[in-house]
Amino acid sequence: MNHFMIDITLPELLTEEFLSLIPRQRAQVNKLFGEGRLASYALSTDRSKVWVTLFAESEEEVNALVSTFPLRKFMKLEIFRLAFLESANANIARISMN
């Protein structure tokens, strides 16, 4: 599995349609976190940029995952394959409810 960083630019004007899709966007992001596909999801304070790090086999798979975002049609993407991804949470074991 490869690591990718997606640099997302959001529109300057947030329409009613955009705003109405935010709860669905958050639900999809939470689903992808739950599946272990997303490593991080960050929004800039001016609400113009989102940065996502995720795990995928290829850039095509990244595009397929991002296409599930309800806000996808409002996003301009730049995708970068990472050599590695380290984070403070990477060394914390996941709790299993089994």
Protein backbone atom coordinates (compact mmCIF):
# COMPACT_ATOMS: atom_id res chain seq x y z
CA MET A 1 0.00 0.00 0.00
CA ASN A 2 1.34 3.44 -0.92
CA HIS A 3 0.91 6.75 0.84
CA PHE A 4 -0.54 9.74 -1.00
CA MET A 5 -1.08 13.39 -0.12
CA ILE A 6 -3.92 15.24 -1.79
CA ASP A 7 -3.82 19.04 -1.87
CA ILE A 8 -7.41 20.19 -2.39
CA THR A 9 -8.44 23.72 -3.28
CA LEU A 10 -12.02 24.65 -2.43
CA PRO A 11 -14.11 27.35 -4.14
CA GLU A 12 -13.97 30.92 -2.82
CA LEU A 13 -17.76 31.20 -2.73
CA LEU A 14 -19.52 28.46 -0.82
CA THR A 15 -22.95 27.89 -2.32
CA GLU A 16 -26.01 26.50 -0.55
CA GLU A 17 -25.44 23.23 -2.39
CA PHE A 18 -21.86 23.05 -1.12
CA LEU A 19 -22.89 23.81 2.47
CA SER A 20 -25.72 21.27 2.35
CA LEU A 21 -23.24 18.52 1.37
CA ILE A 22 -20.86 19.08 4.30
CA PRO A 23 -22.59 16.56 6.64
CA ARG A 24 -22.42 13.87 3.93
CA GLN A 25 -18.75 14.77 3.31
CA ARG A 26 -17.95 14.35 7.02
CA ALA A 27 -19.79 11.01 7.08
CA GLN A 28 -17.77 9.75 4.10
CA VAL A 29 -14.51 10.93 5.65
CA ASN A 30 -15.39 9.15 8.90
CA LYS A 31 -16.23 5.99 6.94
CA LEU A 32 -12.84 6.06 5.18
CA PHE A 33 -11.09 6.62 8.52
CA GLY A 34 -12.97 3.63 9.91
CA GLU A 35 -11.85 1.50 6.96
CA GLY A 36 -8.23 2.56 7.55
CA ARG A 37 -7.98 4.29 4.18
CA LEU A 38 -7.43 7.85 5.48
CA ALA A 39 -4.48 8.80 7.65
CA SER A 40 -5.36 12.49 8.03
CA TYR A 41 -7.85 15.12 6.90
CA ALA A 42 -7.15 18.81 7.59
CA LEU A 43 -8.92 22.07 6.70
CA SER A 44 -7.16 25.45 6.59
CA THR A 45 -8.52 28.19 8.84
CA ASP A 46 -9.58 30.27 5.83
CA ARG A 47 -11.55 27.23 4.51
CA SER A 48 -9.79 27.40 1.13
CA LYS A 49 -7.67 24.24 1.37
CA VAL A 50 -8.02 20.65 2.52
CA TRP A 51 -5.09 18.27 2.89
CA VAL A 52 -5.72 14.54 2.92
CA THR A 53 -3.26 11.72 3.41
CA LEU A 54 -4.42 8.26 2.49
CA PHE A 55 -3.38 4.75 1.64
CA ALA A 56 -3.93 3.39 -1.88
CA GLU A 57 -2.27 1.12 -4.42
CA SER A 58 -2.22 3.72 -7.22
CA GLU A 59 -3.19 7.24 -8.22
CA GLU A 60 -6.19 5.72 -9.99
CA GLU A 61 -7.34 4.25 -6.69
CA VAL A 62 -6.82 7.66 -5.03
CA ASN A 63 -9.08 9.22 -7.67
CA ALA A 64 -11.67 6.48 -7.10
CA LEU A 65 -11.66 7.14 -3.34
CA VAL A 66 -11.90 10.92 -3.79
CA SER A 67 -14.75 10.44 -6.26
CA THR A 68 -16.80 9.13 -3.30
CA PHE A 69 -16.56 12.57 -1.63
CA PRO A 70 -19.92 14.35 -1.91
CA LEU A 71 -18.02 17.65 -2.39
CA ARG A 72 -15.79 16.25 -5.17
CA LYS A 73 -17.28 18.41 -7.94
CA PHE A 74 -16.24 21.54 -6.02
CA MET A 75 -12.64 20.41 -5.50
CA LYS A 76 -9.47 21.03 -7.50
CA LEU A 77 -6.94 18.30 -6.72
CA GLU A 78 -3.20 17.85 -6.77
CA ILE A 79 -2.12 14.31 -5.88
CA PHE A 80 1.37 13.48 -4.62
CA ARG A 81 2.78 10.02 -3.96
CA LEU A 82 4.78 10.08 -0.74
CA ALA A 83 8.02 8.25 -0.04
CA PHE A 84 6.82 7.71 3.53
CA LEU A 85 4.33 9.03 6.06
CA GLU A 86 5.10 9.34 9.76
CA SER A 87 2.72 10.66 12.37
CA ALA A 88 2.31 10.64 16.12
CA ASN A 89 -0.68 8.29 15.81
CA ALA A 90 1.11 5.77 13.60
CA ASN A 91 2.62 3.96 16.59
CA ILE A 92 -0.60 3.70 18.59
CA ALA A 93 -2.20 0.27 18.38
CA ARG A 94 -5.82 0.12 17.26
CA ILE A 95 -8.29 -1.23 19.77
CA SER A 96 -10.29 -4.23 18.63
CA MET A 97 -13.75 -4.76 20.06
CA ASN A 98 -13.45 -8.56 19.53
